[in-house]
PDB file of N, CA and C in Angstrom:
ATOM      1  N   MET A   1       6.012  -8.016  23.004  1.00  0.00           N
ATOM      2  CA  MET A   1       5.089  -7.926  21.935  1.00  0.00           C
ATOM      3  C   MET A   1       4.379  -8.767  21.880  1.00  0.00           C
ATOM      4  N   THR A   2       2.840  -8.134  21.454  1.00  0.00           N
ATOM      5  CA  THR A   2       1.692  -8.949  21.443  1.00  0.00           C
ATOM      6  C   THR A   2       1.555  -9.966  20.525  1.00  0.00           C
ATOM      7  N   ASP A   3       0.807 -10.939  20.730  1.00  0.00           N
ATOM      8  CA  ASP A   3       0.475 -12.035  19.354  1.00  0.00           C
ATOM      9  C   ASP A   3       0.126 -11.168  18.068  1.00  0.00           C
ATOM     10  N   SER A   4      -0.784 -10.198  18.266  1.00  0.00           N
ATOM     11  CA  SER A   4      -1.204  -9.788  16.825  1.00  0.00           C
ATOM     12  C   SER A   4       0.181  -9.148  16.236  1.00  0.00           C
ATOM     13  N   SER A   5       0.856  -8.438  16.626  1.00  0.00           N
ATOM     14  CA  SER A   5       1.980  -7.562  16.739  1.00  0.00           C
ATOM     15  C   SER A   5       2.744  -8.338  15.791  1.00  0.00           C
ATOM     16  N   LYS A   6       3.107  -9.680  16.659  1.00  0.00           N
ATOM     17  CA  LYS A   6       3.972 -10.627  16.006  1.00  0.00           C
ATOM     18  C   LYS A   6       3.756 -11.404  14.666  1.00  0.00           C
ATOM     19  N   GLU A   7       2.345 -11.574  14.659  1.00  0.00           N
ATOM     20  CA  GLU A   7       1.726 -11.987  13.431  1.00  0.00           C
ATOM     21  C   GLU A   7       1.772 -11.125  12.449  1.00  0.00           C
ATOM     22  N   ARG A   8       1.455  -9.766  12.681  1.00  0.00           N
ATOM     23  CA  ARG A   8       1.459  -8.846  11.497  1.00  0.00           C
ATOM     24  C   ARG A   8       2.882  -8.706  11.254  1.00  0.00           C
ATOM     25  N   GLU A   9       4.126  -8.745  12.027  1.00  0.00           N
ATOM     26  CA  GLU A   9       5.410  -8.987  11.475  1.00  0.00           C
ATOM     27  C   GLU A   9       5.862 -10.177  10.458  1.00  0.00           C
ATOM     28  N   ILE A  10       5.278 -10.937  11.076  1.00  0.00           N
ATOM     29  CA  ILE A  10       5.459 -12.219  10.111  1.00  0.00           C
ATOM     30  C   ILE A  10       4.882 -12.187   8.852  1.00  0.00           C
ATOM     31  N   LEU A  11       3.726 -11.453   8.716  1.00  0.00           N
ATOM     32  CA  LEU A  11       3.033 -11.187   7.309  1.00  0.00           C
ATOM     33  C   LEU A  11       3.707 -10.477   6.365  1.00  0.00           C
ATOM     34  N   VAL A  12       4.128  -9.262   7.181  1.00  0.00           N
ATOM     35  CA  VAL A  12       4.967  -8.354   6.421  1.00  0.00           C
ATOM     36  C   VAL A  12       6.073  -8.909   5.716  1.00  0.00           C
ATOM     37  N   VAL A  13       6.812  -9.828   6.777  1.00  0.00           N
ATOM     38  CA  VAL A  13       8.178 -10.480   6.079  1.00  0.00           C
ATOM     39  C   VAL A  13       7.713 -11.414   4.788  1.00  0.00           C
ATOM     40  N   MET A  14       6.830 -12.172   5.069  1.00  0.00           N
ATOM     41  CA  MET A  14       6.179 -13.074   4.119  1.00  0.00           C
ATOM     42  C   MET A  14       5.928 -12.454   2.645  1.00  0.00           C
ATOM     43  N   ARG A  15       5.107 -11.383   3.053  1.00  0.00           N
ATOM     44  CA  ARG A  15       4.976 -10.375   1.689  1.00  0.00           C
ATOM     45  C   ARG A  15       5.942  -9.773   1.189  1.00  0.00           C
ATOM     46  N   LYS A  16       7.044  -9.326   1.639  1.00  0.00           N
ATOM     47  CA  LYS A  16       8.289  -8.790   1.162  1.00  0.00           C
ATOM     48  C   LYS A  16       8.866 -10.215   0.457  1.00  0.00           C
ATOM     49  N   VAL A  17       9.208 -11.140   1.300  1.00  0.00           N
ATOM     50  CA  VAL A  17      10.240 -12.325   0.960  1.00  0.00           C
ATOM     51  C   VAL A  17       9.443 -12.877  -0.647  1.00  0.00           C
ATOM     52  N   LEU A  18       7.909 -12.988  -0.706  1.00  0.00           N
ATOM     53  CA  LEU A  18       7.257 -13.408  -1.758  1.00  0.00           C
ATOM     54  C   LEU A  18       7.534 -12.432  -2.887  1.00  0.00           C
ATOM     55  N   ALA A  19       7.256 -11.000  -2.732  1.00  0.00           N
ATOM     56  CA  ALA A  19       7.472  -9.789  -3.750  1.00  0.00           C
ATOM     57  C   ALA A  19       9.149 -10.011  -4.468  1.00  0.00           C
ATOM     58  N   GLN A  20       9.886 -10.136  -3.485  1.00  0.00           N
ATOM     59  CA  GLN A  20      11.512 -10.305  -3.981  1.00  0.00           C
ATOM     60  C   GLN A  20      11.394 -11.614  -4.915  1.00  0.00           C
ATOM     61  N   ILE A  21      10.897 -12.806  -4.650  1.00  0.00           N
ATOM     62  CA  ILE A  21      11.011 -13.700  -5.318  1.00  0.00           C
ATOM     63  C   ILE A  21      10.381 -13.370  -6.576  1.00  0.00           C
ATOM     64  N   ILE A  22       9.279 -12.908  -6.720  1.00  0.00           N
ATOM     65  CA  ILE A  22       8.729 -12.485  -7.922  1.00  0.00           C
ATOM     66  C   ILE A  22       9.685 -11.696  -8.897  1.00  0.00           C
ATOM     67  N   LYS A  23      10.263 -10.460  -8.189  1.00  0.00           N
ATOM     68  CA  LYS A  23      11.001  -9.820  -8.968  1.00  0.00           C
ATOM     69  C   LYS A  23      12.342 -10.331  -9.296  1.00  0.00           C
ATOM     70  N   ASP A  24      12.637 -11.059  -8.593  1.00  0.00           N
ATOM     71  CA  ASP A  24      13.789 -12.143  -9.089  1.00  0.00           C
ATOM     72  C   ASP A  24      13.690 -13.196 -10.060  1.00  0.00           C
ATOM     73  N   THR A  25      12.405 -13.711 -10.137  1.00  0.00           N
ATOM     74  CA  THR A  25      12.173 -14.720 -11.295  1.00  0.00           C
ATOM     75  C   THR A  25      11.334 -14.165 -12.543  1.00  0.00           C
ATOM     76  N   THR A  26      10.926 -12.976 -12.534  1.00  0.00           N
ATOM     77  CA  THR A  26      10.191 -12.678 -13.750  1.00  0.00           C
ATOM     78  C   THR A  26      11.590 -11.952 -14.733  1.00  0.00           C
ATOM     79  N   PRO A  27      11.384 -12.485 -15.840  1.00  0.00           N
ATOM     80  CA  PRO A  27      12.305 -12.257 -17.207  1.00  0.00           C
ATOM     81  C   PRO A  27      12.214 -10.961 -17.298  1.00  0.00           C
ATOM     82  N   PRO A  28      13.163 -10.387 -18.044  1.00  0.00           N
ATOM     83  CA  PRO A  28      13.501  -8.818 -18.455  1.00  0.00           C
ATOM     84  C   PRO A  28      12.444  -8.720 -19.634  1.00  0.00           C
ATOM     85  N   SER A  29      11.927  -9.665 -20.138  1.00  0.00           N
ATOM     86  CA  SER A  29      11.298  -9.473 -21.615  1.00  0.00           C
ATOM     87  C   SER A  29       9.965 -10.327 -21.728  1.00  0.00           C
ATOM     88  N   ARG A  30       8.748  -9.505 -21.988  1.00  0.00           N
ATOM     89  CA  ARG A  30       7.681 -10.599 -21.867  1.00  0.00           C
ATOM     90  C   ARG A  30       7.866 -11.824 -22.842  1.00  0.00           C
ATOM     91  N   ALA A  31       8.789 -11.863 -24.031  1.00  0.00           N
ATOM     92  CA  ALA A  31       8.925 -12.724 -24.688  1.00  0.00           C
ATOM     93  C   ALA A  31       9.831 -14.151 -24.326  1.00  0.00           C
ATOM     94  N   MET A  32      10.226 -13.978 -23.227  1.00  0.00           N
ATOM     95  CA  MET A  32      10.660 -15.073 -22.485  1.00  0.00           C
ATOM     96  C   MET A  32       9.996 -15.844 -21.780  1.00  0.00           C
ATOM     97  N   LYS A  33      10.009 -16.868 -21.562  1.00  0.00           N
ATOM     98  CA  LYS A  33       9.167 -17.706 -20.665  1.00  0.00           C
ATOM     99  C   LYS A  33       9.521 -17.416 -19.200  1.00  0.00           C
ATOM    100  N   HIS A  34       8.585 -17.260 -18.641  1.00  0.00           N
ATOM    101  CA  HIS A  34       8.833 -17.204 -16.841  1.00  0.00           C
ATOM    102  C   HIS A  34       9.138 -18.714 -16.363  1.00  0.00           C
ATOM    103  N   PRO A  35      10.175 -18.682 -15.376  1.00  0.00           N
ATOM    104  CA  PRO A  35      10.683 -19.774 -14.928  1.00  0.00           C
ATOM    105  C   PRO A  35       9.814 -20.715 -13.991  1.00  0.00           C
ATOM    106  N   LEU A  36       8.859 -19.838 -13.316  1.00  0.00           N
ATOM    107  CA  LEU A  36       7.661 -20.495 -12.968  1.00  0.00           C
ATOM    108  C   LEU A  36       6.815 -21.152 -13.394  1.00  0.00           C
ATOM    109  N   SER A  37       5.832 -22.212 -13.133  1.00  0.00           N
ATOM    110  CA  SER A  37       4.865 -22.813 -13.715  1.00  0.00           C
ATOM    111  C   SER A  37       3.788 -21.802 -13.480  1.00  0.00           C
ATOM    112  N   ASP A  38       2.631 -22.165 -14.523  1.00  0.00           N
ATOM    113  CA  ASP A  38       1.348 -21.197 -14.416  1.00  0.00           C
ATOM    114  C   ASP A  38       0.785 -21.402 -13.004  1.00  0.00           C
ATOM    115  N   GLN A  39       0.880 -22.720 -12.527  1.00  0.00           N
ATOM    116  CA  GLN A  39       0.028 -23.134 -11.142  1.00  0.00           C
ATOM    117  C   GLN A  39       0.745 -22.358 -10.024  1.00  0.00           C
ATOM    118  N   THR A  40       2.229 -22.355 -10.082  1.00  0.00           N
ATOM    119  CA  THR A  40       2.775 -21.738  -9.051  1.00  0.00           C
ATOM    120  C   THR A  40       2.740 -20.413  -8.840  1.00  0.00           C
ATOM    121  N   ILE A  41       2.726 -19.627 -10.203  1.00  0.00           N
ATOM    122  CA  ILE A  41       2.237 -18.470  -9.988  1.00  0.00           C
ATOM    123  C   ILE A  41       1.038 -17.888  -9.325  1.00  0.00           C
ATOM    124  N   GLN A  42      -0.041 -18.826  -9.755  1.00  0.00           N
ATOM    125  CA  GLN A  42      -1.703 -18.477  -9.315  1.00  0.00           C
ATOM    126  C   GLN A  42      -1.379 -18.958  -7.733  1.00  0.00           C
ATOM    127  N   ASP A  43      -0.337 -19.676  -7.382  1.00  0.00           N
ATOM    128  CA  ASP A  43      -0.221 -20.168  -5.541  1.00  0.00           C
ATOM    129  C   ASP A  43       0.219 -18.862  -5.274  1.00  0.00           C
ATOM    130  N   VAL A  44       1.189 -18.056  -5.922  1.00  0.00           N
ATOM    131  CA  VAL A  44       1.872 -17.180  -5.086  1.00  0.00           C
ATOM    132  C   VAL A  44       0.982 -15.792  -5.104  1.00  0.00           C
ATOM    133  N   ARG A  45      -0.121 -15.966  -6.125  1.00  0.00           N
ATOM    134  CA  ARG A  45      -1.029 -14.731  -5.909  1.00  0.00           C
ATOM    135  C   ARG A  45      -1.958 -14.979  -5.155  1.00  0.00           C
ATOM    136  N   GLN A  46      -2.391 -16.104  -4.679  1.00  0.00           N
ATOM    137  CA  GLN A  46      -3.197 -16.515  -3.580  1.00  0.00           C
ATOM    138  C   GLN A  46      -2.507 -16.420  -2.208  1.00  0.00           C
ATOM    139  N   CYS A  47      -1.361 -16.575  -2.087  1.00  0.00           N
ATOM    140  CA  CYS A  47      -0.730 -16.417  -0.826  1.00  0.00           C
ATOM    141  C   CYS A  47      -0.907 -14.838  -0.516  1.00  0.00           C
ATOM    142  N   LEU A  48      -0.473 -14.151  -1.424  1.00  0.00           N
ATOM    143  CA  LEU A  48      -0.270 -12.715  -1.208  1.00  0.00           C
ATOM    144  C   LEU A  48      -1.869 -12.106  -1.118  1.00  0.00           C
ATOM    145  N   GLY A  49      -2.756 -12.654  -1.764  1.00  0.00           N
ATOM    146  CA  GLY A  49      -3.933 -12.372  -1.004  1.00  0.00           C
ATOM    147  C   GLY A  49      -4.564 -12.681   0.069  1.00  0.00           C
ATOM    148  N   LEU A  50      -4.162 -13.647   0.557  1.00  0.00           N
ATOM    149  CA  LEU A  50      -4.516 -14.199   1.739  1.00  0.00           C
ATOM    150  C   LEU A  50      -3.639 -13.508   2.759  1.00  0.00           C
ATOM    151  N   ILE A  51      -2.317 -13.208   2.666  1.00  0.00           N
ATOM    152  CA  ILE A  51      -1.496 -12.271   3.456  1.00  0.00           C
ATOM    153  C   ILE A  51      -2.278 -10.961   3.744  1.00  0.00           C
ATOM    154  N   SER A  52      -2.679 -10.347   2.536  1.00  0.00           N
ATOM    155  CA  SER A  52      -3.235  -8.960   2.358  1.00  0.00           C
ATOM    156  C   SER A  52      -4.435  -8.987   3.366  1.00  0.00           C
ATOM    157  N   LEU A  53      -5.269  -9.863   2.969  1.00  0.00           N
ATOM    158  CA  LEU A  53      -6.692 -10.109   3.681  1.00  0.00           C
ATOM    159  C   LEU A  53      -6.440 -10.207   5.164  1.00  0.00           C
ATOM    160  N   ARG A  54      -5.359 -10.996   5.764  1.00  0.00           N
ATOM    161  CA  ARG A  54      -5.446 -11.072   7.333  1.00  0.00           C
ATOM    162  C   ARG A  54      -4.427  -9.920   7.711  1.00  0.00           C
ATOM    163  N   GLU A  55      -3.903  -9.192   7.110  1.00  0.00           N
ATOM    164  CA  GLU A  55      -3.094  -7.983   7.594  1.00  0.00           C
ATOM    165  C   GLU A  55      -4.621  -6.962   7.524  1.00  0.00           C
ATOM    166  N   ARG A  56      -5.273  -6.895   6.736  1.00  0.00           N
ATOM    167  CA  ARG A  56      -6.675  -6.216   6.727  1.00  0.00           C
ATOM    168  C   ARG A  56      -7.377  -6.331   8.021  1.00  0.00           C
ATOM    169  N   GLU A  57      -7.593  -7.665   8.377  1.00  0.00           N
ATOM    170  CA  GLU A  57      -8.463  -8.100   9.422  1.00  0.00           C
ATOM    171  C   GLU A  57      -7.740  -7.971  10.753  1.00  0.00           C
ATOM    172  N   LEU A  58      -6.390  -7.803  10.954  1.00  0.00           N
ATOM    173  CA  LEU A  58      -5.670  -7.520  12.265  1.00  0.00           C
ATOM    174  C   LEU A  58      -5.726  -5.931  12.338  1.00  0.00           C
ATOM    175  N   ALA A  59      -5.653  -5.092  11.124  1.00  0.00           N
ATOM    176  CA  ALA A  59      -5.970  -3.768  11.417  1.00  0.00           C
ATOM    177  C   ALA A  59      -7.270  -3.463  11.596  1.00  0.00           C
ATOM    178  N   ASP A  60      -8.004  -3.929  11.463  1.00  0.00           N
ATOM    179  CA  ASP A  60     -10.011  -3.765  11.602  1.00  0.00           C
ATOM    180  C   ASP A  60      -9.726  -4.175  13.241  1.00  0.00           C
ATOM    181  N   ILE A  61      -9.038  -5.442  13.735  1.00  0.00           N
ATOM    182  CA  ILE A  61      -9.324  -5.401  15.171  1.00  0.00           C
ATOM    183  C   ILE A  61      -8.898  -4.273  15.932  1.00  0.00           C
ATOM    184  N   ALA A  62      -7.364  -4.236  15.378  1.00  0.00           N
ATOM    185  CA  ALA A  62      -6.589  -3.157  16.342  1.00  0.00           C
ATOM    186  C   ALA A  62      -7.342  -1.558  16.144  1.00  0.00           C
ATOM    187  N   GLY A  63      -8.181  -1.525  15.401  1.00  0.00           N
ATOM    188  CA  GLY A  63      -8.731  -0.302  14.891  1.00  0.00           C
ATOM    189  C   GLY A  63      -7.948   0.783  14.517  1.00  0.00           C
ATOM    190  N   VAL A  64      -7.067   0.122  13.507  1.00  0.00           N
ATOM    191  CA  VAL A  64      -6.176   0.978  12.777  1.00  0.00           C
ATOM    192  C   VAL A  64      -6.902   1.246  11.550  1.00  0.00           C
ATOM    193  N   ALA A  65      -6.795   2.604  11.061  1.00  0.00           N
ATOM    194  CA  ALA A  65      -7.173   3.164  10.068  1.00  0.00           C
ATOM    195  C   ALA A  65      -6.675   2.362   8.513  1.00  0.00           C
ATOM    196  N   GLN A  66      -7.402   1.957   7.821  1.00  0.00           N
ATOM    197  CA  GLN A  66      -6.908   1.276   6.455  1.00  0.00           C
ATOM    198  C   GLN A  66      -5.627   2.067   5.722  1.00  0.00           C
ATOM    199  N   GLU A  67      -4.267   1.261   5.769  1.00  0.00           N
ATOM    200  CA  GLU A  67      -3.327   1.945   5.227  1.00  0.00           C
ATOM    201  C   GLU A  67      -3.605   1.810   3.559  1.00  0.00           C
ATOM    202  N   ARG A  68      -3.387   2.985   2.827  1.00  0.00           N
ATOM    203  CA  ARG A  68      -3.455   3.063   1.407  1.00  0.00           C
ATOM    204  C   ARG A  68      -2.299   3.796   0.917  1.00  0.00           C
ATOM    205  N   PRO A  69      -1.927   3.303  -0.038  1.00  0.00           N
ATOM    206  CA  PRO A  69      -0.749   3.799  -0.724  1.00  0.00           C
ATOM    207  C   PRO A  69      -0.924   5.193  -1.343  1.00  0.00           C
ATOM    208  N   TYR A  70       0.120   6.163  -1.674  1.00  0.00           N
ATOM    209  CA  TYR A  70       0.018   7.364  -2.069  1.00  0.00           C
ATOM    210  C   TYR A  70       0.928   7.880  -3.199  1.00  0.00           C
ATOM    211  N   TYR A  71       0.679   8.654  -3.901  1.00  0.00           N
ATOM    212  CA  TYR A  71       2.002   8.796  -4.982  1.00  0.00           C
ATOM    213  C   TYR A  71       2.128  10.289  -4.414  1.00  0.00           C
ATOM    214  N   SER A  72       3.336  10.871  -4.789  1.00  0.00           N
ATOM    215  CA  SER A  72       4.148  12.188  -4.572  1.00  0.00           C
ATOM    216  C   SER A  72       3.324  13.113  -5.247  1.00  0.00           C
ATOM    217  N   ASP A  73       3.059  12.699  -6.204  1.00  0.00           N
ATOM    218  CA  ASP A  73       2.005  13.807  -7.187  1.00  0.00           C
ATOM    219  C   ASP A  73       0.682  13.901  -7.125  1.00  0.00           C
ATOM    220  N   ASP A  74      -0.018  13.011  -6.132  1.00  0.00           N
ATOM    221  CA  ASP A  74      -1.181  13.123  -5.938  1.00  0.00           C
ATOM    222  C   ASP A  74      -1.700  14.571  -5.273  1.00  0.00           C
ATOM    223  N   LYS A  75      -2.685  14.861  -5.696  1.00  0.00           N
ATOM    224  CA  LYS A  75      -3.242  16.115  -5.286  1.00  0.00           C
ATOM    225  C   LYS A  75      -3.868  16.035  -3.826  1.00  0.00           C
ATOM    226  N   SER A  76      -3.255  17.071  -3.048  1.00  0.00           N
ATOM    227  CA  SER A  76      -3.590  16.922  -1.358  1.00  0.00           C
ATOM    228  C   SER A  76      -4.933  17.055  -1.287  1.00  0.00           C
ATOM    229  N   SER A  77      -5.740  16.701  -0.105  1.00  0.00           N
ATOM    230  CA  SER A  77      -7.112  16.635  -0.037  1.00  0.00           C
ATOM    231  C   SER A  77      -7.132  18.064   1.177  1.00  0.00           C
ATOM    232  N   SER A  78      -6.156  18.605   1.592  1.00  0.00           N
ATOM    233  CA  SER A  78      -6.082  19.973   2.269  1.00  0.00           C
ATOM    234  C   SER A  78      -5.806  20.863   1.893  1.00  0.00           C
ATOM    235  N   THR A  79      -5.963  21.849   2.309  1.00  0.00           N
ATOM    236  CA  THR A  79      -5.627  23.251   1.494  1.00  0.00           C
ATOM    237  C   THR A  79      -4.790  24.106   2.822  1.00  0.00           C
ATOM    238  N   VAL A  80      -3.782  24.601   2.708  1.00  0.00           N
ATOM    239  CA  VAL A  80      -2.922  25.477   3.381  1.00  0.00           C
ATOM    240  C   VAL A  80      -3.560  26.878   3.364  1.00  0.00           C
ATOM    241  N   VAL A  81      -3.874  27.382   4.348  1.00  0.00           N
ATOM    242  CA  VAL A  81      -4.242  28.699   4.454  1.00  0.00           C
ATOM    243  C   VAL A  81      -3.348  29.419   5.453  1.00  0.00           C
ATOM    244  N   PRO A  82      -2.685  30.657   4.696  1.00  0.00           N
ATOM    245  CA  PRO A  82      -1.748  31.434   5.810  1.00  0.00           C
ATOM    246  C   PRO A  82      -2.366  32.004   6.807  1.00  0.00           C
ATOM    247  N   LEU A  83      -1.754  32.029   8.054  1.00  0.00           N
ATOM    248  CA  LEU A  83      -2.090  32.695   9.295  1.00  0.00           C
ATOM    249  C   LEU A  83      -2.921  34.151   9.071  1.00  0.00           C
ATOM    250  N   GLY A  84      -2.209  35.132   8.027  1.00  0.00           N
ATOM    251  CA  GLY A  84      -2.254  36.177   7.689  1.00  0.00           C
ATOM    252  C   GLY A  84      -3.791  36.454   7.147  1.00  0.00           C
ATOM    253  N   ARG A  85      -4.079  35.458   6.478  1.00  0.00           N
ATOM    254  CA  ARG A  85      -5.289  35.699   5.925  1.00  0.00           C
ATOM    255  C   ARG A  85      -6.593  35.265   6.559  1.00  0.00           C
ATOM    256  N   ILE A  86      -6.544  34.601   7.779  1.00  0.00           N
ATOM    257  CA  ILE A  86      -7.671  34.213   8.570  1.00  0.00           C
ATOM    258  C   ILE A  86      -8.185  35.428   8.926  1.00  0.00           C
ATOM    259  N   GLY A  87      -9.726  35.505   8.889  1.00  0.00           N
ATOM    260  CA  GLY A  87     -10.574  36.432   9.232  1.00  0.00           C
ATOM    261  C   GLY A  87     -10.654  37.471   8.144  1.00  0.00           C
ATOM    262  N   LYS A  88      -9.922  37.599   7.304  1.00  0.00           N
ATOM    263  CA  LYS A  88     -10.084  38.879   6.442  1.00  0.00           C
ATOM    264  C   LYS A  88     -10.769  38.390   4.993  1.00  0.00           C
ATOM    265  N   THR A  89     -11.362  39.408   4.416  1.00  0.00           N
ATOM    266  CA  THR A  89     -12.169  39.153   3.372  1.00  0.00           C
ATOM    267  C   THR A  89     -11.470  39.536   2.035  1.00  0.00           C
ATOM    268  N   ALA A  90     -12.030  38.911   1.194  1.00  0.00           N
ATOM    269  CA  ALA A  90     -10.984  38.992  -0.223  1.00  0.00           C
ATOM    270  C   ALA A  90     -11.654  40.360  -0.886  1.00  0.00           C
ATOM    271  N   LYS A  91     -11.042  41.400  -1.275  1.00  0.00           N
ATOM    272  CA  LYS A  91     -11.070  42.595  -1.653  1.00  0.00           C
ATOM    273  C   LYS A  91     -11.939  42.491  -3.083  1.00  0.00           C
ATOM    274  N   LYS A  92     -12.681  43.688  -3.404  1.00  0.00           N
ATOM    275  CA  LYS A  92     -13.575  43.518  -4.439  1.00  0.00           C
ATOM    276  C   LYS A  92     -12.670  44.107  -5.552  1.00  0.00           C
ATOM    277  N   THR A  93     -12.603  43.608  -6.979  1.00  0.00           N
ATOM    278  CA  THR A  93     -12.114  44.132  -8.131  1.00  0.00           C
ATOM    279  C   THR A  93     -12.569  44.739  -8.915  1.00  0.00           C
ATOM    280  N   ASP A  94     -14.037  45.127  -8.540  1.00  0.00           N
ATOM    281  CA  ASP A  94     -15.170  45.780  -9.607  1.00  0.00           C
ATOM    282  C   ASP A  94     -14.738  46.966 -10.122  1.00  0.00           C
ATOM    283  N   GLU A  95     -13.865  47.725  -9.441  1.00  0.00           N
ATOM    284  CA  GLU A  95     -13.495  49.160  -9.884  1.00  0.00           C
ATOM    285  C   GLU A  95     -13.062  49.334 -10.962  1.00  0.00           C
TER     286      GLU A  95
END
């Protein structure tokens, strides 16, 4: 395993752990006080930002296309054309 792939693996684990800590400590209601201090919350945000930045740098160095999240209901940018329609023209319905 190369140094950059090991670093990427470490960053992924760190991001997942921080996200899980956020999930576990977030109160179920906005009316409840968050157990973490405002400064700690800001520090966690900075850590996640730095992790994201470094992951992007490593991807650029490796020549990997930028990974972007997508939703299952997003419209696809490609169109499927059945093989039977290739080379055929549309029929006119002017009659």
